PDB file of N, CA and C in Angstrom:
ATOM      1  N   MET A   1     -43.423  24.699  30.941  1.00  0.00           N
ATOM      2  CA  MET A   1     -44.280  25.150  32.013  1.00  0.00           C
ATOM      3  C   MET A   1     -45.701  25.256  31.477  1.00  0.00           C
ATOM      4  N   ASN A   2     -46.645  24.717  32.243  1.00  0.00           N
ATOM      5  CA  ASN A   2     -48.035  24.828  31.801  1.00  0.00           C
ATOM      6  C   ASN A   2     -48.709  26.021  32.487  1.00  0.00           C
ATOM      7  N   LEU A   3     -49.953  26.264  32.116  1.00  0.00           N
ATOM      8  CA  LEU A   3     -50.691  27.431  32.575  1.00  0.00           C
ATOM      9  C   LEU A   3     -50.860  27.447  34.091  1.00  0.00           C
ATOM     10  N   ASP A   4     -51.146  26.304  34.684  1.00  0.00           N
ATOM     11  CA  ASP A   4     -51.347  26.236  36.137  1.00  0.00           C
ATOM     12  C   ASP A   4     -50.080  26.658  36.891  1.00  0.00           C
ATOM     13  N   ARG A   5     -48.959  26.119  36.466  1.00  0.00           N
ATOM     14  CA  ARG A   5     -47.697  26.457  37.124  1.00  0.00           C
ATOM     15  C   ARG A   5     -47.326  27.909  36.907  1.00  0.00           C
ATOM     16  N   ALA A   6     -47.611  28.445  35.720  1.00  0.00           N
ATOM     17  CA  ALA A   6     -47.306  29.846  35.440  1.00  0.00           C
ATOM     18  C   ALA A   6     -48.116  30.761  36.354  1.00  0.00           C
ATOM     19  N   VAL A   7     -49.400  30.474  36.521  1.00  0.00           N
ATOM     20  CA  VAL A   7     -50.260  31.302  37.372  1.00  0.00           C
ATOM     21  C   VAL A   7     -49.808  31.215  38.825  1.00  0.00           C
ATOM     22  N   LEU A   8     -49.542  30.021  39.316  1.00  0.00           N
ATOM     23  CA  LEU A   8     -49.110  29.872  40.700  1.00  0.00           C
ATOM     24  C   LEU A   8     -47.742  30.515  40.944  1.00  0.00           C
ATOM     25  N   SER A   9     -46.845  30.390  39.988  1.00  0.00           N
ATOM     26  CA  SER A   9     -45.529  31.020  40.112  1.00  0.00           C
ATOM     27  C   SER A   9     -45.652  32.538  40.129  1.00  0.00           C
ATOM     28  N   PHE A  10     -46.501  33.068  39.260  1.00  0.00           N
ATOM     29  CA  PHE A  10     -46.713  34.517  39.197  1.00  0.00           C
ATOM     30  C   PHE A  10     -47.318  35.027  40.506  1.00  0.00           C
ATOM     31  N   ALA A  11     -48.319  34.323  41.026  1.00  0.00           N
ATOM     32  CA  ALA A  11     -48.954  34.734  42.283  1.00  0.00           C
ATOM     33  C   ALA A  11     -47.944  34.711  43.432  1.00  0.00           C
ATOM     34  N   GLY A  12     -47.146  33.673  43.496  1.00  0.00           N
ATOM     35  CA  GLY A  12     -46.120  33.589  44.529  1.00  0.00           C
ATOM     36  C   GLY A  12     -45.101  34.707  44.414  1.00  0.00           C
ATOM     37  N   LEU A  13     -44.695  35.014  43.193  1.00  0.00           N
ATOM     38  CA  LEU A  13     -43.742  36.094  42.968  1.00  0.00           C
ATOM     39  C   LEU A  13     -44.316  37.433  43.420  1.00  0.00           C
ATOM     40  N   ILE A  14     -45.564  37.688  43.089  1.00  0.00           N
ATOM     41  CA  ILE A  14     -46.209  38.944  43.486  1.00  0.00           C
ATOM     42  C   ILE A  14     -46.294  39.059  45.006  1.00  0.00           C
ATOM     43  N   VAL A  15     -46.669  37.976  45.678  1.00  0.00           N
ATOM     44  CA  VAL A  15     -46.772  38.003  47.142  1.00  0.00           C
ATOM     45  C   VAL A  15     -45.399  38.255  47.767  1.00  0.00           C
ATOM     46  N   LEU A  16     -44.386  37.542  47.316  1.00  0.00           N
ATOM     47  CA  LEU A  16     -43.047  37.734  47.874  1.00  0.00           C
ATOM     48  C   LEU A  16     -42.501  39.131  47.583  1.00  0.00           C
ATOM     49  N   LEU A  17     -42.698  39.603  46.365  1.00  0.00           N
ATOM     50  CA  LEU A  17     -42.218  40.932  45.990  1.00  0.00           C
ATOM     51  C   LEU A  17     -42.914  42.015  46.800  1.00  0.00           C
ATOM     52  N   SER A  18     -44.223  41.942  46.918  1.00  0.00           N
ATOM     53  CA  SER A  18     -44.943  42.980  47.641  1.00  0.00           C
ATOM     54  C   SER A  18     -44.649  42.940  49.138  1.00  0.00           C
ATOM     55  N   ALA A  19     -44.471  41.755  49.702  1.00  0.00           N
ATOM     56  CA  ALA A  19     -44.107  41.662  51.122  1.00  0.00           C
ATOM     57  C   ALA A  19     -42.718  42.262  51.356  1.00  0.00           C
ATOM     58  N   THR A  20     -41.793  41.990  50.450  1.00  0.00           N
ATOM     59  CA  THR A  20     -40.450  42.562  50.564  1.00  0.00           C
ATOM     60  C   THR A  20     -40.492  44.076  50.448  1.00  0.00           C
ATOM     61  N   LEU A  21     -41.270  44.575  49.490  1.00  0.00           N
ATOM     62  CA  LEU A  21     -41.389  46.027  49.326  1.00  0.00           C
ATOM     63  C   LEU A  21     -42.076  46.671  50.528  1.00  0.00           C
ATOM     64  N   ALA A  22     -43.026  45.984  51.123  1.00  0.00           N
ATOM     65  CA  ALA A  22     -43.712  46.516  52.301  1.00  0.00           C
ATOM     66  C   ALA A  22     -42.748  46.649  53.483  1.00  0.00           C
ATOM     67  N   VAL A  23     -41.805  45.726  53.598  1.00  0.00           N
ATOM     68  CA  VAL A  23     -40.850  45.771  54.700  1.00  0.00           C
ATOM     69  C   VAL A  23     -39.752  46.798  54.434  1.00  0.00           C
ATOM     70  N   THR A  24     -39.300  46.891  53.188  1.00  0.00           N
ATOM     71  CA  THR A  24     -38.141  47.724  52.890  1.00  0.00           C
ATOM     72  C   THR A  24     -38.463  49.129  52.394  1.00  0.00           C
ATOM     73  N   VAL A  25     -39.603  49.320  51.730  1.00  0.00           N
ATOM     74  CA  VAL A  25     -39.882  50.614  51.105  1.00  0.00           C
ATOM     75  C   VAL A  25     -40.997  51.364  51.831  1.00  0.00           C
ATOM     76  N   ASN A  26     -42.187  50.783  51.795  1.00  0.00           N
ATOM     77  CA  ASN A  26     -43.345  51.459  52.371  1.00  0.00           C
ATOM     78  C   ASN A  26     -44.381  50.411  52.731  1.00  0.00           C
ATOM     79  N   GLN A  27     -44.995  50.582  53.883  1.00  0.00           N
ATOM     80  CA  GLN A  27     -45.952  49.586  54.357  1.00  0.00           C
ATOM     81  C   GLN A  27     -47.182  49.455  53.464  1.00  0.00           C
ATOM     82  N   TRP A  28     -47.466  50.432  52.639  1.00  0.00           N
ATOM     83  CA  TRP A  28     -48.645  50.363  51.763  1.00  0.00           C
ATOM     84  C   TRP A  28     -48.511  49.330  50.655  1.00  0.00           C
ATOM     85  N   TRP A  29     -47.307  48.807  50.430  1.00  0.00           N
ATOM     86  CA  TRP A  29     -47.126  47.739  49.444  1.00  0.00           C
ATOM     87  C   TRP A  29     -47.851  46.465  49.857  1.00  0.00           C
ATOM     88  N   ILE A  30     -48.228  46.375  51.126  1.00  0.00           N
ATOM     89  CA  ILE A  30     -48.970  45.200  51.592  1.00  0.00           C
ATOM     90  C   ILE A  30     -50.325  45.112  50.891  1.00  0.00           C
ATOM     91  N   ALA A  31     -50.810  46.225  50.372  1.00  0.00           N
ATOM     92  CA  ALA A  31     -52.074  46.225  49.622  1.00  0.00           C
ATOM     93  C   ALA A  31     -51.979  45.325  48.394  1.00  0.00           C
ATOM     94  N   LEU A  32     -50.813  45.267  47.764  1.00  0.00           N
ATOM     95  CA  LEU A  32     -50.633  44.374  46.616  1.00  0.00           C
ATOM     96  C   LEU A  32     -50.722  42.914  47.041  1.00  0.00           C
ATOM     97  N   THR A  33     -50.199  42.594  48.210  1.00  0.00           N
ATOM     98  CA  THR A  33     -50.326  41.242  48.745  1.00  0.00           C
ATOM     99  C   THR A  33     -51.788  40.897  48.978  1.00  0.00           C
ATOM    100  N   LEU A  34     -52.529  41.837  49.559  1.00  0.00           N
ATOM    101  CA  LEU A  34     -53.957  41.624  49.789  1.00  0.00           C
ATOM    102  C   LEU A  34     -54.713  41.442  48.479  1.00  0.00           C
ATOM    103  N   PHE A  35     -54.376  42.229  47.476  1.00  0.00           N
ATOM    104  CA  PHE A  35     -55.019  42.105  46.166  1.00  0.00           C
ATOM    105  C   PHE A  35     -54.748  40.729  45.567  1.00  0.00           C
ATOM    106  N   ALA A  36     -53.509  40.274  45.659  1.00  0.00           N
ATOM    107  CA  ALA A  36     -53.169  38.957  45.109  1.00  0.00           C
ATOM    108  C   ALA A  36     -53.933  37.859  45.837  1.00  0.00           C
ATOM    109  N   GLY A  37     -54.013  37.964  47.147  1.00  0.00           N
ATOM    110  CA  GLY A  37     -54.752  36.969  47.919  1.00  0.00           C
ATOM    111  C   GLY A  37     -56.232  36.956  47.579  1.00  0.00           C
ATOM    112  N   LEU A  38     -56.833  38.132  47.464  1.00  0.00           N
ATOM    113  CA  LEU A  38     -58.248  38.212  47.093  1.00  0.00           C
ATOM    114  C   LEU A  38     -58.486  37.661  45.690  1.00  0.00           C
ATOM    115  N   ASN A  39     -57.551  37.934  44.782  1.00  0.00           N
ATOM    116  CA  ASN A  39     -57.681  37.432  43.421  1.00  0.00           C
ATOM    117  C   ASN A  39     -57.593  35.911  43.391  1.00  0.00           C
ATOM    118  N   MET A  40     -56.690  35.326  44.191  1.00  0.00           N
ATOM    119  CA  MET A  40     -56.585  33.865  44.252  1.00  0.00           C
ATOM    120  C   MET A  40     -57.850  33.263  44.850  1.00  0.00           C
ATOM    121  N   LEU A  41     -58.417  33.922  45.853  1.00  0.00           N
ATOM    122  CA  LEU A  41     -59.651  33.437  46.467  1.00  0.00           C
ATOM    123  C   LEU A  41     -60.809  33.462  45.476  1.00  0.00           C
ATOM    124  N   GLN A  42     -60.976  34.576  44.764  1.00  0.00           N
ATOM    125  CA  GLN A  42     -62.069  34.647  43.802  1.00  0.00           C
ATOM    126  C   GLN A  42     -61.863  33.679  42.648  1.00  0.00           C
ATOM    127  N   ALA A  43     -60.624  33.442  42.239  1.00  0.00           N
ATOM    128  CA  ALA A  43     -60.360  32.482  41.167  1.00  0.00           C
ATOM    129  C   ALA A  43     -60.715  31.064  41.608  1.00  0.00           C
ATOM    130  N   SER A  44     -60.494  30.757  42.879  1.00  0.00           N
ATOM    131  CA  SER A  44     -60.839  29.418  43.363  1.00  0.00           C
ATOM    132  C   SER A  44     -62.343  29.214  43.441  1.00  0.00           C
ATOM    133  N   ILE A  45     -63.082  30.296  43.632  1.00  0.00           N
ATOM    134  CA  ILE A  45     -64.539  30.207  43.730  1.00  0.00           C
ATOM    135  C   ILE A  45     -65.198  30.247  42.350  1.00  0.00           C
ATOM    136  N   THR A  46     -64.747  31.177  41.510  1.00  0.00           N
ATOM    137  CA  THR A  46     -65.406  31.382  40.217  1.00  0.00           C
ATOM    138  C   THR A  46     -64.771  30.611  39.069  1.00  0.00           C
ATOM    139  N   GLY A  47     -63.480  30.278  39.192  1.00  0.00           N
ATOM    140  CA  GLY A  47     -62.776  29.622  38.098  1.00  0.00           C
ATOM    141  C   GLY A  47     -62.238  30.592  37.062  1.00  0.00           C
ATOM    142  N   PHE A  48     -62.436  31.889  37.278  1.00  0.00           N
ATOM    143  CA  PHE A  48     -61.937  32.915  36.358  1.00  0.00           C
ATOM    144  C   PHE A  48     -60.689  33.552  36.943  1.00  0.00           C
ATOM    145  N   CYS A  49     -59.612  33.539  36.178  1.00  0.00           N
ATOM    146  CA  CYS A  49     -58.353  34.123  36.631  1.00  0.00           C
ATOM    147  C   CYS A  49     -57.797  35.024  35.526  1.00  0.00           C
ATOM    148  N   PRO A  50     -57.725  36.332  35.772  1.00  0.00           N
ATOM    149  CA  PRO A  50     -57.193  37.242  34.755  1.00  0.00           C
ATOM    150  C   PRO A  50     -55.763  36.888  34.330  1.00  0.00           C
ATOM    151  N   ALA A  51     -54.928  36.477  35.271  1.00  0.00           N
ATOM    152  CA  ALA A  51     -53.550  36.116  34.922  1.00  0.00           C
ATOM    153  C   ALA A  51     -53.528  34.909  33.984  1.00  0.00           C
ATOM    154  N   ALA A  52     -54.430  33.960  34.206  1.00  0.00           N
ATOM    155  CA  ALA A  52     -54.496  32.785  33.334  1.00  0.00           C
ATOM    156  C   ALA A  52     -54.871  33.194  31.915  1.00  0.00           C
ATOM    157  N   LYS A  53     -55.792  34.145  31.789  1.00  0.00           N
ATOM    158  CA  LYS A  53     -56.179  34.626  30.457  1.00  0.00           C
ATOM    159  C   LYS A  53     -54.984  35.275  29.748  1.00  0.00           C
ATOM    160  N   ILE A  54     -54.224  36.055  30.495  1.00  0.00           N
ATOM    161  CA  ILE A  54     -53.061  36.737  29.902  1.00  0.00           C
ATOM    162  C   ILE A  54     -51.995  35.725  29.486  1.00  0.00           C
ATOM    163  N   PHE A  55     -51.679  34.769  30.376  1.00  0.00           N
ATOM    164  CA  PHE A  55     -50.685  33.758  30.037  1.00  0.00           C
ATOM    165  C   PHE A  55     -51.139  32.914  28.849  1.00  0.00           C
ATOM    166  N   LYS A  56     -52.420  32.615  28.791  1.00  0.00           N
ATOM    167  CA  LYS A  56     -52.958  31.829  27.669  1.00  0.00           C
ATOM    168  C   LYS A  56     -52.796  32.592  26.353  1.00  0.00           C
ATOM    169  N   ALA A  57     -53.067  33.905  26.399  1.00  0.00           N
ATOM    170  CA  ALA A  57     -52.900  34.741  25.199  1.00  0.00           C
ATOM    171  C   ALA A  57     -51.435  34.827  24.772  1.00  0.00           C
ATOM    172  N   LEU A  58     -50.527  34.683  25.735  1.00  0.00           N
ATOM    173  CA  LEU A  58     -49.100  34.715  25.427  1.00  0.00           C
ATOM    174  C   LEU A  58     -48.578  33.381  24.918  1.00  0.00           C
ATOM    175  N   GLY A  59     -49.451  32.368  24.901  1.00  0.00           N
ATOM    176  CA  GLY A  59     -49.075  31.096  24.307  1.00  0.00           C
ATOM    177  C   GLY A  59     -48.601  30.025  25.278  1.00  0.00           C
ATOM    178  N   VAL A  60     -48.812  30.227  26.573  1.00  0.00           N
ATOM    179  CA  VAL A  60     -48.441  29.199  27.540  1.00  0.00           C
ATOM    180  C   VAL A  60     -49.390  28.020  27.355  1.00  0.00           C
ATOM    181  N   ARG A  61     -48.838  26.807  27.325  1.00  0.00           N
ATOM    182  CA  ARG A  61     -49.684  25.649  27.051  1.00  0.00           C
ATOM    183  C   ARG A  61     -50.662  25.399  28.196  1.00  0.00           C
ATOM    184  N   PRO A  62     -51.826  24.905  27.887  1.00  0.00           N
ATOM    185  CA  PRO A  62     -52.881  24.728  28.900  1.00  0.00           C
ATOM    186  C   PRO A  62     -52.509  23.745  29.988  1.00  0.00           C
ATOM    187  N   GLY A  63     -53.113  23.963  31.145  1.00  0.00           N
ATOM    188  CA  GLY A  63     -53.001  23.035  32.262  1.00  0.00           C
ATOM    189  C   GLY A  63     -54.356  22.411  32.486  1.00  0.00           C
ATOM    190  N   THR A  64     -54.641  22.048  33.722  1.00  0.00           N
ATOM    191  CA  THR A  64     -55.932  21.421  34.002  1.00  0.00           C
ATOM    192  C   THR A  64     -56.856  22.303  34.842  1.00  0.00           C
ATOM    193  N   ALA A  65     -56.312  23.287  35.558  1.00  0.00           N
ATOM    194  CA  ALA A  65     -57.152  24.083  36.452  1.00  0.00           C
ATOM    195  C   ALA A  65     -57.857  25.229  35.720  1.00  0.00           C
ATOM    196  N   PHE A  66     -57.174  25.958  34.873  1.00  0.00           N
ATOM    197  CA  PHE A  66     -57.742  27.137  34.208  1.00  0.00           C
ATOM    198  C   PHE A  66     -57.911  26.843  32.729  1.00  0.00           C
ATOM    199  N   ARG A  67     -59.154  26.725  32.306  1.00  0.00           N
ATOM    200  CA  ARG A  67     -59.418  26.403  30.893  1.00  0.00           C
ATOM    201  C   ARG A  67     -60.152  27.512  30.200  1.00  0.00           C
TER     202      ARG A  67
END
């Protein structure tokens, strides 16, 4: 798995998890979904993604989107 796929998989997991928690536990979990969406939007504009930095530090091989 490269860095791009790791970041996209992580973002998808967070959105699905927070949406599930919002439906089953408490509606305030939707805030995590909003945070993930805002983070993806800012990463597409600025090219900076905190999750990509963390995955890179953990040794995930580079992709083409986040360098």
